[in-house]
Amino acid sequence: MILLTGFEPFGGDPSNPSWTSALLAQEILRAEGREVEVVELPCVFGESAVVLREALVQLRPELVICLGLAGGRDRLSLERVAINVDDARIPDNAGNRPIDEPVVPAAPAAYFSTLPVKSALRALQIAGIRAEVSQTAGTYVCNHVFYSLMHELSKEAVAARTRGGFIHVPYDESMLPQGSTTPAMAARDMGEGIAVVVRTALETAADAKLPAGALH
């Protein structure tokens, strides 16, 4: 069982490409005979983690990839690290705006993705889909979900069977007005890219050693 999650719209946008790309990836992967479920998360601190946790308990997936929007990026961002801090620049969809609060009190400062991010990066490059390894998922609801996911997967009973991580997606080209210079990607490319990461994760036991770090 593969679980993909995306977010509801936020910040005044009419749609969220993370949810669109999750649905497209589900369609692509189901056509290959894979069992895939998708869950739309609320863009709300706390509540998003509860919905995710319920899905993990109900579905017991072997692979979980959560998706979120990173407007301004021009490629898929394979997130490497989730940090234990909520620091919201803007309120979430319920009006919450935590500042310098832990995602999970008394928990580790950070967790690493258990996806093979370097192998996935190489597979995406071969497929001609723009991608990068990102060293930060921010401190908004995306990171909140990423950290909550990895905290749940760190528990002994779950860690033995489930791998997971987070991917940021750009704006969908169809969301932007004609002539816009805002970085974006075609929704179908995002969906195929997520499918590439899923295939790579299911087929890769040990990650590749490739340079994909950042100077700053």
C-alpha atoms as a PDB file:
ATOM      1  CA  MET A   1       0.000   0.000   0.000  1.00  0.00           C
ATOM      2  CA  ILE A   2       1.257   3.458  -0.995  1.00  0.00           C
ATOM      3  CA  LEU A   3      -0.127   6.585   0.663  1.00  0.00           C
ATOM      4  CA  LEU A   4       0.136   9.980  -1.003  1.00  0.00           C
ATOM      5  CA  THR A   5      -1.091  13.158   0.643  1.00  0.00           C
ATOM      6  CA  GLY A   6      -1.613  16.683  -0.639  1.00  0.00           C
ATOM      7  CA  PHE A   7      -3.028  19.857   0.866  1.00  0.00           C
ATOM      8  CA  GLU A   8      -6.243  21.774   0.422  1.00  0.00           C
ATOM      9  CA  PRO A   9      -5.882  25.282  -1.102  1.00  0.00           C
ATOM     10  CA  PHE A  10      -4.460  28.032   1.092  1.00  0.00           C
ATOM     11  CA  GLY A  11      -3.338  31.635   0.857  1.00  0.00           C
ATOM     12  CA  GLY A  12      -6.198  32.581  -1.456  1.00  0.00           C
ATOM     13  CA  ASP A  13      -5.262  30.134  -4.232  1.00  0.00           C
ATOM     14  CA  PRO A  14      -8.219  28.381  -5.918  1.00  0.00           C
ATOM     15  CA  SER A  15      -6.456  25.007  -5.919  1.00  0.00           C
ATOM     16  CA  ASN A  16      -3.345  23.348  -4.561  1.00  0.00           C
ATOM     17  CA  PRO A  17      -0.967  21.601  -6.987  1.00  0.00           C
ATOM     18  CA  SER A  18       0.145  19.222  -4.259  1.00  0.00           C
ATOM     19  CA  TRP A  19      -3.323  17.671  -4.260  1.00  0.00           C
ATOM     20  CA  THR A  20      -3.605  17.764  -8.058  1.00  0.00           C
ATOM     21  CA  SER A  21      -0.250  16.016  -8.459  1.00  0.00           C
ATOM     22  CA  ALA A  22      -1.162  13.410  -5.820  1.00  0.00           C
ATOM     23  CA  LEU A  23      -4.305  12.522  -7.780  1.00  0.00           C
ATOM     24  CA  LEU A  24      -2.386  12.342 -11.063  1.00  0.00           C
ATOM     25  CA  ALA A  25       0.327  10.163  -9.523  1.00  0.00           C
ATOM     26  CA  GLN A  26      -2.365   7.873  -8.115  1.00  0.00           C
ATOM     27  CA  GLU A  27      -3.869   7.529 -11.599  1.00  0.00           C
ATOM     28  CA  ILE A  28      -0.486   6.726 -13.157  1.00  0.00           C
ATOM     29  CA  LEU A  29       0.518   4.215 -10.480  1.00  0.00           C
ATOM     30  CA  ARG A  30      -2.860   2.464 -10.352  1.00  0.00           C
ATOM     31  CA  ALA A  31      -2.625   1.958 -14.115  1.00  0.00           C
ATOM     32  CA  GLU A  32       0.566   0.005 -13.366  1.00  0.00           C
ATOM     33  CA  GLY A  33      -1.310  -2.215 -10.916  1.00  0.00           C
ATOM     34  CA  ARG A  34      -0.056  -0.578  -7.716  1.00  0.00           C
ATOM     35  CA  GLU A  35      -2.277  -0.053  -4.695  1.00  0.00           C
ATOM     36  CA  VAL A  36      -2.340   3.686  -3.979  1.00  0.00           C
ATOM     37  CA  GLU A  37      -4.526   5.797  -1.706  1.00  0.00           C
ATOM     38  CA  VAL A  38      -4.580   9.588  -1.522  1.00  0.00           C
ATOM     39  CA  VAL A  39      -5.619  11.801   1.386  1.00  0.00           C
ATOM     40  CA  GLU A  40      -6.199  15.557   1.251  1.00  0.00           C
ATOM     41  CA  LEU A  41      -4.847  17.254   4.385  1.00  0.00           C
ATOM     42  CA  PRO A  42      -6.184  20.494   5.863  1.00  0.00           C
ATOM     43  CA  CYS A  43      -3.696  23.356   5.771  1.00  0.00           C
ATOM     44  CA  VAL A  44      -3.979  23.673   9.540  1.00  0.00           C
ATOM     45  CA  PHE A  45      -1.373  23.138  12.244  1.00  0.00           C
ATOM     46  CA  GLY A  46      -2.265  20.191  14.450  1.00  0.00           C
ATOM     47  CA  GLU A  47      -5.327  19.064  12.498  1.00  0.00           C
ATOM     48  CA  SER A  48      -3.223  18.088   9.477  1.00  0.00           C
ATOM     49  CA  ALA A  49      -1.092  15.811  11.663  1.00  0.00           C
ATOM     50  CA  VAL A  50      -4.209  14.202  13.165  1.00  0.00           C
ATOM     51  CA  VAL A  51      -5.671  13.412   9.734  1.00  0.00           C
ATOM     52  CA  LEU A  52      -2.328  12.003   8.595  1.00  0.00           C
ATOM     53  CA  ARG A  53      -1.985   9.858  11.717  1.00  0.00           C
ATOM     54  CA  GLU A  54      -5.485   8.437  11.224  1.00  0.00           C
ATOM     55  CA  ALA A  55      -4.614   7.504   7.636  1.00  0.00           C
ATOM     56  CA  LEU A  56      -1.433   5.759   8.765  1.00  0.00           C
ATOM     57  CA  VAL A  57      -3.344   3.703  11.329  1.00  0.00           C
ATOM     58  CA  GLN A  58      -6.136   2.801   8.922  1.00  0.00           C
ATOM     59  CA  LEU A  59      -4.081   2.037   5.807  1.00  0.00           C
ATOM     60  CA  ARG A  60      -0.795   0.710   7.280  1.00  0.00           C
ATOM     61  CA  PRO A  61       1.147   1.733   4.138  1.00  0.00           C
ATOM     62  CA  GLU A  62       4.633   0.552   3.249  1.00  0.00           C
ATOM     63  CA  LEU A  63       5.454   3.909   1.657  1.00  0.00           C
ATOM     64  CA  VAL A  64       4.202   7.412   2.478  1.00  0.00           C
ATOM     65  CA  ILE A  65       4.969  10.535   0.466  1.00  0.00           C
ATOM     66  CA  CYS A  66       3.451  13.817   1.598  1.00  0.00           C
ATOM     67  CA  LEU A  67       3.286  16.677  -0.883  1.00  0.00           C
ATOM     68  CA  GLY A  68       3.070  20.423  -0.431  1.00  0.00           C
ATOM     69  CA  LEU A  69       3.289  23.616  -2.457  1.00  0.00           C
ATOM     70  CA  ALA A  70       6.455  25.691  -2.565  1.00  0.00           C
ATOM     71  CA  GLY A  71       5.416  28.663  -4.683  1.00  0.00           C
ATOM     72  CA  GLY A  72       8.453  30.253  -6.294  1.00  0.00           C
ATOM     73  CA  ARG A  73      10.403  27.047  -6.821  1.00  0.00           C
ATOM     74  CA  ASP A  74      10.628  25.760 -10.375  1.00  0.00           C
ATOM     75  CA  ARG A  75      11.157  22.052  -9.718  1.00  0.00           C
ATOM     76  CA  LEU A  76      10.242  19.142  -7.469  1.00  0.00           C
ATOM     77  CA  SER A  77      12.069  19.480  -4.155  1.00  0.00           C
ATOM     78  CA  LEU A  78      12.930  16.217  -2.419  1.00  0.00           C
ATOM     79  CA  GLU A  79      13.055  17.331   1.199  1.00  0.00           C
ATOM     80  CA  ARG A  80      15.839  15.854   3.283  1.00  0.00           C
ATOM     81  CA  VAL A  81      15.198  17.193   6.808  1.00  0.00           C
ATOM     82  CA  ALA A  82      12.129  17.907   8.944  1.00  0.00           C
ATOM     83  CA  ILE A  83      12.714  20.170  11.951  1.00  0.00           C
ATOM     84  CA  ASN A  84      10.807  20.330  15.216  1.00  0.00           C
ATOM     85  CA  VAL A  85       9.567  23.905  15.015  1.00  0.00           C
ATOM     86  CA  ASP A  86       6.411  25.699  13.927  1.00  0.00           C
ATOM     87  CA  ASP A  87       7.055  29.348  13.016  1.00  0.00           C
ATOM     88  CA  ALA A  88       4.251  30.662  10.823  1.00  0.00           C
ATOM     89  CA  ARG A  89       4.806  33.779   8.714  1.00  0.00           C
ATOM     90  CA  ILE A  90       1.088  33.806   7.861  1.00  0.00           C
ATOM     91  CA  PRO A  91      -1.922  32.224   9.602  1.00  0.00           C
ATOM     92  CA  ASP A  92      -3.074  28.771   8.503  1.00  0.00           C
ATOM     93  CA  ASN A  93      -6.571  28.117   7.163  1.00  0.00           C
ATOM     94  CA  ALA A  94      -7.990  28.100  10.700  1.00  0.00           C
ATOM     95  CA  GLY A  95      -6.295  31.356  11.677  1.00  0.00           C
ATOM     96  CA  ASN A  96      -3.576  29.691  13.767  1.00  0.00           C
ATOM     97  CA  ARG A  97      -0.151  31.291  13.751  1.00  0.00           C
ATOM     98  CA  PRO A  98       2.254  29.434  16.070  1.00  0.00           C
ATOM     99  CA  ILE A  99       5.616  31.118  16.584  1.00  0.00           C
ATOM    100  CA  ASP A 100       8.691  29.252  17.804  1.00  0.00           C
ATOM    101  CA  GLU A 101       6.662  26.276  19.054  1.00  0.00           C
ATOM    102  CA  PRO A 102       7.656  22.599  18.762  1.00  0.00           C
ATOM    103  CA  VAL A 103       5.767  20.351  16.401  1.00  0.00           C
ATOM    104  CA  VAL A 104       6.046  17.615  19.024  1.00  0.00           C
ATOM    105  CA  PRO A 105       7.122  18.687  22.537  1.00  0.00           C
ATOM    106  CA  ALA A 106      10.187  16.911  23.953  1.00  0.00           C
ATOM    107  CA  ALA A 107      10.842  15.142  20.640  1.00  0.00           C
ATOM    108  CA  PRO A 108      14.097  15.157  18.621  1.00  0.00           C
ATOM    109  CA  ALA A 109      15.211  18.407  16.968  1.00  0.00           C
ATOM    110  CA  ALA A 110      14.974  16.872  13.493  1.00  0.00           C
ATOM    111  CA  TYR A 111      14.316  13.767  11.456  1.00  0.00           C
ATOM    112  CA  PHE A 112      15.739  12.756   8.094  1.00  0.00           C
ATOM    113  CA  SER A 113      13.567  11.497   5.264  1.00  0.00           C
ATOM    114  CA  THR A 114      13.756   7.740   4.793  1.00  0.00           C
ATOM    115  CA  LEU A 115      13.163   8.076   1.054  1.00  0.00           C
ATOM    116  CA  PRO A 116      16.182   7.409  -1.198  1.00  0.00           C
ATOM    117  CA  VAL A 117      16.354  11.069  -2.168  1.00  0.00           C
ATOM    118  CA  LYS A 118      19.599  10.871  -4.158  1.00  0.00           C
ATOM    119  CA  SER A 119      18.452   7.844  -6.160  1.00  0.00           C
ATOM    120  CA  ALA A 120      15.118   9.551  -6.758  1.00  0.00           C
ATOM    121  CA  LEU A 121      16.890  12.688  -7.935  1.00  0.00           C
ATOM    122  CA  ARG A 122      18.876  10.682 -10.457  1.00  0.00           C
ATOM    123  CA  ALA A 123      15.741   8.892 -11.683  1.00  0.00           C
ATOM    124  CA  LEU A 124      13.929  12.206 -12.116  1.00  0.00           C
ATOM    125  CA  GLN A 125      16.847  13.662 -14.054  1.00  0.00           C
ATOM    126  CA  ILE A 126      16.870  10.641 -16.349  1.00  0.00           C
ATOM    127  CA  ALA A 127      13.127  11.106 -16.866  1.00  0.00           C
ATOM    128  CA  GLY A 128      13.704  14.753 -17.814  1.00  0.00           C
ATOM    129  CA  ILE A 129      11.775  16.142 -14.846  1.00  0.00           C
ATOM    130  CA  ARG A 130      13.291  19.117 -13.015  1.00  0.00           C
ATOM    131  CA  ALA A 131      14.178  18.216  -9.438  1.00  0.00           C
ATOM    132  CA  GLU A 132      16.515  18.943  -6.537  1.00  0.00           C
ATOM    133  CA  VAL A 133      17.349  17.759  -3.048  1.00  0.00           C
ATOM    134  CA  SER A 134      16.207  20.486  -0.660  1.00  0.00           C
ATOM    135  CA  GLN A 135      17.690  20.991   2.792  1.00  0.00           C
ATOM    136  CA  THR A 136      14.684  22.790   4.300  1.00  0.00           C
ATOM    137  CA  ALA A 137      10.933  22.290   4.187  1.00  0.00           C
ATOM    138  CA  GLY A 138      10.373  25.637   5.902  1.00  0.00           C
ATOM    139  CA  THR A 139       8.537  26.098   9.207  1.00  0.00           C
ATOM    140  CA  TYR A 140       4.930  26.252   8.007  1.00  0.00           C
ATOM    141  CA  VAL A 141       2.325  23.471   7.748  1.00  0.00           C
ATOM    142  CA  CYS A 142       4.388  21.510   5.197  1.00  0.00           C
ATOM    143  CA  ASN A 143       7.234  21.035   7.648  1.00  0.00           C
ATOM    144  CA  HIS A 144       4.671  20.403  10.414  1.00  0.00           C
ATOM    145  CA  VAL A 145       3.281  17.469   8.413  1.00  0.00           C
ATOM    146  CA  PHE A 146       6.735  16.244   7.360  1.00  0.00           C
ATOM    147  CA  TYR A 147       7.968  16.231  10.965  1.00  0.00           C
ATOM    148  CA  SER A 148       4.747  14.629  12.231  1.00  0.00           C
ATOM    149  CA  LEU A 149       5.071  11.907   9.593  1.00  0.00           C
ATOM    150  CA  MET A 150       8.671  11.094  10.437  1.00  0.00           C
ATOM    151  CA  HIS A 151       7.910  11.154  14.166  1.00  0.00           C
ATOM    152  CA  GLU A 152       5.174   8.565  13.642  1.00  0.00           C
ATOM    153  CA  LEU A 153       7.428   6.475  11.399  1.00  0.00           C
ATOM    154  CA  SER A 154      10.203   6.552  13.999  1.00  0.00           C
ATOM    155  CA  LYS A 155       8.110   4.444  16.366  1.00  0.00           C
ATOM    156  CA  GLU A 156       9.417   0.918  16.530  1.00  0.00           C
ATOM    157  CA  ALA A 157       6.254  -0.861  15.400  1.00  0.00           C
ATOM    158  CA  VAL A 158       5.944   1.377  12.346  1.00  0.00           C
ATOM    159  CA  ALA A 159       9.612   1.866  11.461  1.00  0.00           C
ATOM    160  CA  ALA A 160       9.997  -1.816  10.624  1.00  0.00           C
ATOM    161  CA  ARG A 161       7.495  -1.637   7.775  1.00  0.00           C
ATOM    162  CA  THR A 162       7.149   1.950   6.487  1.00  0.00           C
ATOM    163  CA  ARG A 163       9.354   4.478   4.709  1.00  0.00           C
ATOM    164  CA  GLY A 164       8.367   8.054   4.089  1.00  0.00           C
ATOM    165  CA  GLY A 165       9.225  11.615   3.275  1.00  0.00           C
ATOM    166  CA  PHE A 166       8.064  14.899   1.795  1.00  0.00           C
ATOM    167  CA  ILE A 167       8.201  16.528  -1.637  1.00  0.00           C
ATOM    168  CA  HIS A 168       7.487  20.160  -2.427  1.00  0.00           C
ATOM    169  CA  VAL A 169       5.943  20.908  -5.820  1.00  0.00           C
ATOM    170  CA  PRO A 170       5.867  24.207  -7.776  1.00  0.00           C
ATOM    171  CA  TYR A 171       2.827  26.095  -8.966  1.00  0.00           C
ATOM    172  CA  ASP A 172       0.796  24.369 -11.667  1.00  0.00           C
ATOM    173  CA  GLU A 173       1.253  26.208 -14.978  1.00  0.00           C
ATOM    174  CA  SER A 174      -2.515  26.272 -15.476  1.00  0.00           C
ATOM    175  CA  MET A 175      -2.974  28.329 -12.274  1.00  0.00           C
ATOM    176  CA  LEU A 176      -0.990  31.283 -13.581  1.00  0.00           C
ATOM    177  CA  PRO A 177      -2.100  34.046 -15.942  1.00  0.00           C
ATOM    178  CA  GLN A 178      -0.745  34.018 -19.469  1.00  0.00           C
ATOM    179  CA  GLY A 179       2.689  35.618 -19.637  1.00  0.00           C
ATOM    180  CA  SER A 180       3.415  35.135 -15.932  1.00  0.00           C
ATOM    181  CA  THR A 181       7.104  34.852 -15.012  1.00  0.00           C
ATOM    182  CA  THR A 182       6.348  32.933 -11.810  1.00  0.00           C
ATOM    183  CA  PRO A 183       8.162  29.574 -11.826  1.00  0.00           C
ATOM    184  CA  ALA A 184       5.796  26.664 -12.486  1.00  0.00           C
ATOM    185  CA  MET A 185       5.531  23.156 -13.892  1.00  0.00           C
ATOM    186  CA  ALA A 186       2.894  21.259 -15.861  1.00  0.00           C
ATOM    187  CA  ALA A 187       0.632  19.259 -13.565  1.00  0.00           C
ATOM    188  CA  ARG A 188       1.163  16.072 -15.573  1.00  0.00           C
ATOM    189  CA  ASP A 189       4.940  16.387 -15.153  1.00  0.00           C
ATOM    190  CA  MET A 190       4.486  16.753 -11.404  1.00  0.00           C
ATOM    191  CA  GLY A 191       2.278  13.669 -11.276  1.00  0.00           C
ATOM    192  CA  GLU A 192       4.754  11.640 -13.314  1.00  0.00           C
ATOM    193  CA  GLY A 193       7.584  12.923 -11.134  1.00  0.00           C
ATOM    194  CA  ILE A 194       5.857  11.727  -7.977  1.00  0.00           C
ATOM    195  CA  ALA A 195       5.308   8.359  -9.646  1.00  0.00           C
ATOM    196  CA  VAL A 196       9.018   8.196 -10.475  1.00  0.00           C
ATOM    197  CA  VAL A 197       9.881   8.792  -6.814  1.00  0.00           C
ATOM    198  CA  VAL A 198       7.437   6.100  -5.705  1.00  0.00           C
ATOM    199  CA  ARG A 199       8.892   3.540  -8.119  1.00  0.00           C
ATOM    200  CA  THR A 200      12.424   4.419  -7.056  1.00  0.00           C
ATOM    201  CA  ALA A 201      11.610   4.143  -3.350  1.00  0.00           C
ATOM    202  CA  LEU A 202       9.995   0.738  -3.811  1.00  0.00           C
ATOM    203  CA  GLU A 203      12.940  -0.554  -5.837  1.00  0.00           C
ATOM    204  CA  THR A 204      15.844   0.978  -3.867  1.00  0.00           C
ATOM    205  CA  ALA A 205      17.108  -0.420  -0.569  1.00  0.00           C
ATOM    206  CA  ALA A 206      20.201   1.775  -0.157  1.00  0.00           C
ATOM    207  CA  ASP A 207      20.388   5.343  -1.436  1.00  0.00           C
ATOM    208  CA  ALA A 208      22.926   6.417  -4.051  1.00  0.00           C
ATOM    209  CA  LYS A 209      25.919   8.586  -3.156  1.00  0.00           C
ATOM    210  CA  LEU A 210      25.599  11.651  -5.354  1.00  0.00           C
ATOM    211  CA  PRO A 211      26.504  15.321  -4.810  1.00  0.00           C
ATOM    212  CA  ALA A 212      23.267  17.238  -4.214  1.00  0.00           C
ATOM    213  CA  GLY A 213      24.063  19.457  -1.268  1.00  0.00           C
ATOM    214  CA  ALA A 214      23.863  23.211  -0.872  1.00  0.00           C
ATOM    215  CA  LEU A 215      26.483  25.874  -0.163  1.00  0.00           C
ATOM    216  CA  HIS A 216      24.006  28.160   1.590  1.00  0.00           C
END
